[in-house]
Amino acid sequence: MSRIVHEGRSLECRFDETVLEALLRQGVDAPYSCRAGVCHACLCRGEDVSALNPESFRGLSAEQRADGWFLTCQAKPVEDLHLRDAAGLRKCRVLSNRQVAPDVFILRLEGKDFTYRPGQFLLLHCQGLSRPYSIASHPAEGYLEFHIRKLEGGALSPLLCALRTGDSVDISEAAGSCHYGSPHATSDLVLAATGTGLAPLMGVLKDAIKKEHPGWIFLFHGGRVKSDLYLDDEIRVLMKKHPRLLYRPALTRDSLPGYASGRLTELIPPLLKTPQQCSAFLCGHPDFVRELRLKLFLAGLPSARILADAFSHTKGAT
């Protein structure tokens, strides 16, 4: 049995138990989502992580590993591990907090001089609680934007949705690999999201447009009813300005002109004529991401060009 030192507490970590499991078992409100080492929502820093198992660093860069970052959902320490306290937090002032759907708010914070890649996520800290939220803005916009779904009975989301202009919230450094980059610069882009999974894809979309992406960009947003597509009007305006952007909204309950009917997992694969030439970014509920990832792979899209950000009730939700 090893020990985990967290915020002055010495916690036990049983044999074959992950750091995340140990923290949750002993009452620590640790962030997580997929628990499979994919979403990076559980990213954490330790004082000396050299003895951790290789899975602890899945998808992390050499620089992140050297700086002590690891995934708590994968790490199984064999010796004592000291977690770094929540240092490096930055206090940001609320610029606006706009309700765009019955249960969705768009929160904008001061973001000048904050380094990130559009589509990454960070931890929002408020009244002792913290959760990872994806960044929907682009650095050129000068602010940080987050899409907050307010869950009834949630711990953090009601607090964030109640923030007003002038209030402040603490944020962590940005992390995550779901962002636009050189491997995707010559591909057609398939951006598919359900619910507030749209947030990181808006960041990716803005970055691709900013860098004058030469290929087609297909943006799919799925919901049950029209109000779930909370940026529908704004995206349609954006599409008129960029002729190589094609927007395909879909609804599973409402049946309306101009909207596809059905689930994105069924609608998207048949529409891709040359999937081997595409790069896909998938964000939303883990079941949606898992199913669509598999179908795109079976349709011929290389697995290395399928980036995913899975959300559960602990990522961008509670």
Protein backbone atom coordinates (compact mmCIF):
# COMPACT_ATOMS: atom_id res chain seq x y z
CA MET A 1 0.00 0.00 0.00
CA SER A 2 1.27 3.47 -0.88
CA ARG A 3 0.31 6.91 0.40
CA ILE A 4 -1.00 9.92 -1.49
CA VAL A 5 -0.35 13.36 -0.03
CA HIS A 6 -3.07 15.77 -1.12
CA GLU A 7 -3.60 19.28 0.29
CA GLY A 8 -1.94 18.34 3.58
CA ARG A 9 -3.78 15.01 3.97
CA SER A 10 -2.09 11.63 3.83
CA LEU A 11 -4.40 9.19 2.04
CA GLU A 12 -3.98 5.48 1.49
CA CYS A 13 -3.84 3.97 -1.98
CA ARG A 14 -4.56 0.26 -1.98
CA PHE A 15 -2.82 -2.30 -4.16
CA ASP A 16 -4.00 -2.08 -7.80
CA GLU A 17 -6.11 1.01 -7.00
CA THR A 18 -5.80 4.09 -9.19
CA VAL A 19 -5.08 7.50 -7.72
CA LEU A 20 -8.55 8.63 -8.79
CA GLU A 21 -10.23 5.68 -7.07
CA ALA A 22 -8.27 6.36 -3.89
CA LEU A 23 -9.15 10.06 -3.89
CA LEU A 24 -12.86 9.47 -4.49
CA ARG A 25 -13.04 6.68 -1.90
CA GLN A 26 -11.68 9.05 0.74
CA GLY A 27 -13.99 11.95 -0.03
CA VAL A 28 -11.85 14.09 -2.32
CA ASP A 29 -13.93 15.90 -4.95
CA ALA A 30 -11.54 15.01 -7.79
CA PRO A 31 -12.49 15.82 -11.40
CA TYR A 32 -12.87 13.01 -13.92
CA SER A 33 -14.98 11.94 -16.87
CA CYS A 34 -14.27 8.92 -19.07
CA ARG A 35 -12.05 7.01 -16.59
CA ALA A 36 -10.33 5.45 -19.61
CA GLY A 37 -7.41 7.83 -20.13
CA VAL A 38 -8.98 9.45 -23.18
CA CYS A 39 -10.58 12.74 -22.14
CA HIS A 40 -7.78 13.99 -19.82
CA ALA A 41 -10.35 15.53 -17.48
CA CYS A 42 -8.52 14.00 -14.51
CA LEU A 43 -5.15 15.56 -15.38
CA CYS A 44 -3.13 16.26 -12.23
CA ARG A 45 0.42 17.17 -11.23
CA GLY A 46 2.72 15.35 -8.84
CA GLU A 47 6.07 16.19 -7.28
CA ASP A 48 7.83 13.08 -8.62
CA VAL A 49 5.92 10.93 -11.11
CA SER A 50 8.84 8.95 -12.54
CA ALA A 51 7.76 5.71 -10.81
CA LEU A 52 4.18 5.77 -12.12
CA ASN A 53 3.01 3.16 -14.62
CA PRO A 54 3.24 4.08 -18.35
CA GLU A 55 -0.54 4.31 -18.71
CA SER A 56 -0.45 7.32 -16.36
CA PHE A 57 0.92 9.45 -19.22
CA ARG A 58 -1.30 8.29 -22.07
CA GLY A 59 -1.59 11.02 -24.69
CA LEU A 60 0.62 13.49 -22.78
CA SER A 61 3.58 15.28 -24.30
CA ALA A 62 7.13 14.84 -23.06
CA GLU A 63 6.96 18.39 -21.70
CA GLN A 64 3.82 17.64 -19.68
CA ARG A 65 5.34 14.49 -18.25
CA ALA A 66 8.54 16.32 -17.31
CA ASP A 67 6.44 18.93 -15.53
CA GLY A 68 4.73 16.27 -13.40
CA TRP A 69 1.40 15.91 -15.21
CA PHE A 70 -0.34 12.52 -15.19
CA LEU A 71 -3.82 10.96 -15.41
CA THR A 72 -5.25 10.01 -12.04
CA CYS A 73 -7.69 7.53 -13.61
CA GLN A 74 -4.76 5.48 -14.96
CA ALA A 75 -2.05 5.99 -12.35
CA LYS A 76 -1.38 3.12 -9.94
CA PRO A 77 1.46 4.25 -7.65
CA VAL A 78 3.85 1.72 -6.17
CA GLU A 79 5.41 4.27 -3.82
CA ASP A 80 4.25 7.39 -2.01
CA LEU A 81 3.01 10.18 -4.29
CA HIS A 82 2.82 13.88 -3.43
CA LEU A 83 0.20 15.77 -5.42
CA ARG A 84 0.80 19.43 -6.04
CA ASP A 85 -1.68 21.77 -4.44
CA ALA A 86 -3.86 23.92 -6.69
CA ALA A 87 -1.02 26.28 -7.48
CA GLY A 88 -0.84 28.34 -10.62
CA LEU A 89 -4.51 29.23 -10.47
CA ARG A 90 -5.49 32.48 -12.11
CA LYS A 91 -8.35 34.68 -11.02
CA CYS A 92 -10.52 35.87 -13.90
CA ARG A 93 -13.30 38.43 -13.97
CA VAL A 94 -16.66 37.53 -15.48
CA LEU A 95 -17.35 39.59 -18.62
CA SER A 96 -20.81 38.17 -19.32
CA ASN A 97 -23.03 35.18 -18.57
CA ARG A 98 -25.75 34.73 -21.16
CA GLN A 99 -28.56 32.18 -21.07
CA VAL A 100 -28.95 30.71 -24.55
CA ALA A 101 -31.28 27.78 -23.80
CA PRO A 102 -33.47 26.70 -20.89
CA ASP A 103 -30.50 24.88 -19.33
CA VAL A 104 -27.42 26.32 -21.09
CA PHE A 105 -25.41 29.44 -20.29
CA ILE A 106 -22.45 30.91 -22.17
CA LEU A 107 -19.91 32.20 -19.67
CA ARG A 108 -17.20 34.61 -20.81
CA LEU A 109 -14.16 35.45 -18.69
CA GLU A 110 -11.23 37.78 -19.15
CA GLY A 111 -8.67 35.90 -21.20
CA LYS A 112 -5.91 38.25 -22.26
CA ASP A 113 -2.41 36.75 -22.08
CA PHE A 114 -3.82 33.30 -21.24
CA THR A 115 -2.09 30.58 -23.27
CA TYR A 116 -4.20 27.79 -24.75
CA ARG A 117 -5.11 25.95 -27.93
CA PRO A 118 -8.74 26.33 -29.03
CA GLY A 119 -10.60 23.17 -28.06
CA GLN A 120 -8.56 22.45 -24.93
CA PHE A 121 -10.10 22.48 -21.47
CA LEU A 122 -9.26 23.88 -18.05
CA LEU A 123 -10.56 23.60 -14.52
CA LEU A 124 -13.04 26.19 -13.31
CA HIS A 125 -12.83 26.70 -9.52
CA CYS A 126 -15.72 28.26 -7.61
CA GLN A 127 -16.54 28.12 -3.88
CA GLY A 128 -14.26 25.15 -3.24
CA LEU A 129 -15.50 23.10 -6.19
CA SER A 130 -13.73 22.49 -9.50
CA ARG A 131 -14.65 20.81 -12.76
CA PRO A 132 -13.11 20.69 -16.25
CA TYR A 133 -14.81 22.74 -18.97
CA SER A 134 -13.82 22.99 -22.62
CA ILE A 135 -12.82 26.33 -24.12
CA ALA A 136 -15.07 27.49 -26.97
CA SER A 137 -13.21 30.69 -27.79
CA HIS A 138 -10.11 31.57 -29.82
CA PRO A 139 -7.15 33.47 -28.30
CA ALA A 140 -7.63 36.24 -30.87
CA GLU A 141 -11.02 37.02 -29.33
CA GLY A 142 -9.42 38.17 -26.08
CA TYR A 143 -11.81 36.30 -23.77
CA LEU A 144 -12.41 32.75 -22.56
CA GLU A 145 -15.79 31.23 -23.41
CA PHE A 146 -17.44 28.20 -21.81
CA HIS A 147 -20.78 26.53 -22.45
CA ILE A 148 -22.30 25.57 -19.10
CA ARG A 149 -25.19 23.13 -18.86
CA LYS A 150 -27.11 23.69 -15.63
CA LEU A 151 -28.08 20.38 -14.10
CA GLU A 152 -30.81 20.22 -11.50
CA GLY A 153 -29.16 19.03 -8.31
CA GLY A 154 -25.70 19.71 -9.73
CA ALA A 155 -22.95 20.96 -7.45
CA LEU A 156 -20.96 23.42 -9.52
CA SER A 157 -23.00 24.27 -12.62
CA PRO A 158 -25.73 26.22 -10.71
CA LEU A 159 -22.99 28.34 -9.12
CA LEU A 160 -21.40 29.07 -12.48
CA CYS A 161 -24.73 29.87 -14.11
CA ALA A 162 -25.46 32.36 -11.31
CA LEU A 163 -22.25 34.35 -11.87
CA ARG A 164 -22.72 37.96 -12.91
CA THR A 165 -20.56 40.51 -14.69
CA GLY A 166 -17.79 41.61 -12.37
CA ASP A 167 -17.72 38.41 -10.32
CA SER A 168 -14.53 36.36 -10.38
CA VAL A 169 -13.66 32.69 -10.76
CA ASP A 170 -10.34 30.83 -10.60
CA ILE A 171 -9.02 28.87 -13.58
CA SER A 172 -6.21 26.37 -14.04
CA GLU A 173 -3.78 25.99 -16.90
CA ALA A 174 -5.22 24.63 -20.16
CA ALA A 175 -4.73 20.99 -21.11
CA GLY A 176 -6.03 18.42 -23.58
CA SER A 177 -5.21 17.26 -27.10
CA CYS A 178 -8.55 17.83 -28.87
CA HIS A 179 -7.40 20.78 -30.98
CA TYR A 180 -6.69 21.67 -34.61
CA GLY A 181 -3.13 21.10 -35.79
CA SER A 182 -0.87 20.31 -38.71
CA PRO A 183 -1.96 16.64 -39.06
CA HIS A 184 -5.44 17.90 -39.98
CA ALA A 185 -4.45 20.85 -42.17
CA THR A 186 -4.93 18.99 -45.47
CA SER A 187 -7.96 16.91 -44.46
CA ASP A 188 -11.65 17.57 -44.66
CA LEU A 189 -12.83 18.14 -41.09
CA VAL A 190 -15.77 16.36 -39.51
CA LEU A 191 -16.87 18.11 -36.30
CA ALA A 192 -19.64 16.23 -34.48
CA ALA A 193 -21.16 17.08 -31.12
CA THR A 194 -24.20 16.58 -28.97
CA GLY A 195 -25.31 19.12 -26.38
CA THR A 196 -22.61 21.32 -24.89
CA GLY A 197 -20.03 19.10 -26.54
CA LEU A 198 -20.28 21.83 -29.15
CA ALA A 199 -18.00 24.05 -27.02
CA PRO A 200 -14.59 22.61 -27.93
CA LEU A 201 -15.66 22.17 -31.54
CA MET A 202 -16.41 25.88 -31.79
CA GLY A 203 -12.83 26.48 -30.70
CA VAL A 204 -11.53 24.02 -33.29
CA LEU A 205 -13.77 25.57 -35.97
CA LYS A 206 -12.59 29.12 -35.22
CA ASP A 207 -8.97 28.00 -35.31
CA ALA A 208 -9.40 26.20 -38.63
CA ILE A 209 -11.09 29.26 -40.17
CA LYS A 210 -8.42 31.57 -38.74
CA LYS A 211 -5.73 29.43 -40.35
CA GLU A 212 -7.62 29.36 -43.68
CA HIS A 213 -8.23 25.61 -43.69
CA PRO A 214 -8.27 24.58 -47.38
CA GLY A 215 -10.61 21.61 -47.10
CA TRP A 216 -14.28 21.25 -46.31
CA ILE A 217 -15.47 21.63 -42.73
CA PHE A 218 -18.60 19.64 -41.82
CA LEU A 219 -20.17 20.68 -38.52
CA PHE A 220 -22.83 18.36 -37.07
CA HIS A 221 -24.72 19.30 -33.90
CA GLY A 222 -27.33 16.95 -32.48
CA GLY A 223 -30.07 17.48 -29.93
CA ARG A 224 -33.52 16.29 -28.97
CA VAL A 225 -35.44 19.52 -29.59
CA LYS A 226 -34.57 22.76 -31.37
CA SER A 227 -33.67 24.62 -28.17
CA ASP A 228 -30.85 22.10 -27.64
CA LEU A 229 -29.12 23.61 -30.69
CA TYR A 230 -28.37 26.77 -28.77
CA LEU A 231 -25.98 28.30 -31.34
CA ASP A 232 -28.06 27.40 -34.38
CA ASP A 233 -28.58 30.98 -35.62
CA GLU A 234 -24.97 32.03 -35.01
CA ILE A 235 -23.58 29.02 -36.87
CA ARG A 236 -25.86 29.65 -39.84
CA VAL A 237 -24.54 33.22 -40.04
CA LEU A 238 -20.98 31.89 -39.86
CA MET A 239 -21.72 29.42 -42.65
CA LYS A 240 -22.78 32.26 -44.99
CA LYS A 241 -19.41 33.93 -44.43
CA HIS A 242 -17.39 30.77 -45.08
CA PRO A 243 -18.58 28.79 -48.12
CA ARG A 244 -16.49 25.72 -47.25
CA LEU A 245 -18.28 25.34 -43.92
CA LEU A 246 -21.30 23.04 -44.06
CA TYR A 247 -23.58 22.93 -41.03
CA ARG A 248 -25.87 19.94 -40.48
CA PRO A 249 -28.08 20.17 -37.36
CA ALA A 250 -30.09 17.11 -36.34
CA LEU A 251 -32.99 16.47 -33.95
CA THR A 252 -34.27 13.22 -32.47
CA ARG A 253 -37.66 14.46 -31.18
CA ASP A 254 -38.67 17.56 -33.14
CA SER A 255 -39.33 17.28 -36.87
CA LEU A 256 -38.65 20.62 -38.55
CA PRO A 257 -37.74 21.81 -42.06
CA GLY A 258 -34.02 22.38 -42.42
CA TYR A 259 -33.10 19.89 -39.70
CA ALA A 260 -32.18 16.24 -40.17
CA SER A 261 -34.18 13.75 -38.14
CA GLY A 262 -32.32 11.07 -36.23
CA ARG A 263 -29.15 10.36 -34.32
CA LEU A 264 -25.82 11.65 -35.58
CA THR A 265 -24.29 8.21 -35.20
CA GLU A 266 -26.67 7.00 -37.93
CA LEU A 267 -26.66 10.13 -40.08
CA ILE A 268 -22.97 10.95 -40.41
CA PRO A 269 -21.21 7.79 -41.73
CA PRO A 270 -23.26 7.49 -44.96
CA LEU A 271 -22.58 11.17 -45.78
CA LEU A 272 -18.80 10.75 -45.88
CA LYS A 273 -17.81 9.92 -49.44
CA THR A 274 -14.03 9.79 -48.78
CA PRO A 275 -13.62 9.10 -45.04
CA GLN A 276 -9.98 8.13 -45.46
CA GLN A 277 -9.29 11.77 -46.33
CA CYS A 278 -11.03 13.20 -43.24
CA SER A 279 -10.09 14.13 -39.71
CA ALA A 280 -12.85 13.88 -37.10
CA PHE A 281 -13.40 15.68 -33.81
CA LEU A 282 -16.11 14.11 -31.64
CA CYS A 283 -17.47 15.62 -28.44
CA GLY A 284 -20.43 14.73 -26.25
CA HIS A 285 -21.79 11.91 -24.15
CA PRO A 286 -19.34 8.96 -23.86
CA ASP A 287 -21.82 6.56 -25.50
CA PHE A 288 -22.19 8.90 -28.48
CA VAL A 289 -18.44 9.35 -28.83
CA ARG A 290 -17.74 5.64 -28.49
CA GLU A 291 -20.36 4.61 -31.07
CA LEU A 292 -19.49 7.24 -33.65
CA ARG A 293 -15.76 6.67 -33.28
CA LEU A 294 -16.24 2.98 -34.06
CA LYS A 295 -18.54 3.63 -37.02
CA LEU A 296 -16.18 6.17 -38.56
CA PHE A 297 -13.26 3.79 -38.16
CA LEU A 298 -15.21 0.97 -39.79
CA ALA A 299 -16.16 3.36 -42.60
CA GLY A 300 -12.48 3.90 -43.35
CA LEU A 301 -11.42 6.92 -41.29
CA PRO A 302 -7.96 6.25 -39.76
CA SER A 303 -8.12 5.93 -35.98
CA ALA A 304 -5.16 8.32 -35.57
CA ARG A 305 -7.28 11.06 -37.14
CA ILE A 306 -10.26 10.64 -34.81
CA LEU A 307 -9.95 12.96 -31.81
CA ALA A 308 -12.54 12.68 -29.08
CA ASP A 309 -13.62 14.52 -25.96
CA ALA A 310 -16.14 12.53 -23.95
CA PHE A 311 -18.38 14.30 -21.45
CA SER A 312 -20.11 12.73 -18.48
CA HIS A 313 -21.99 14.35 -15.62
CA THR A 314 -18.62 15.20 -14.09
CA LYS A 315 -17.14 17.01 -17.06
CA GLY A 316 -18.65 20.29 -18.10
CA ALA A 317 -21.90 19.35 -16.43
CA THR A 318 -22.19 19.22 -12.66
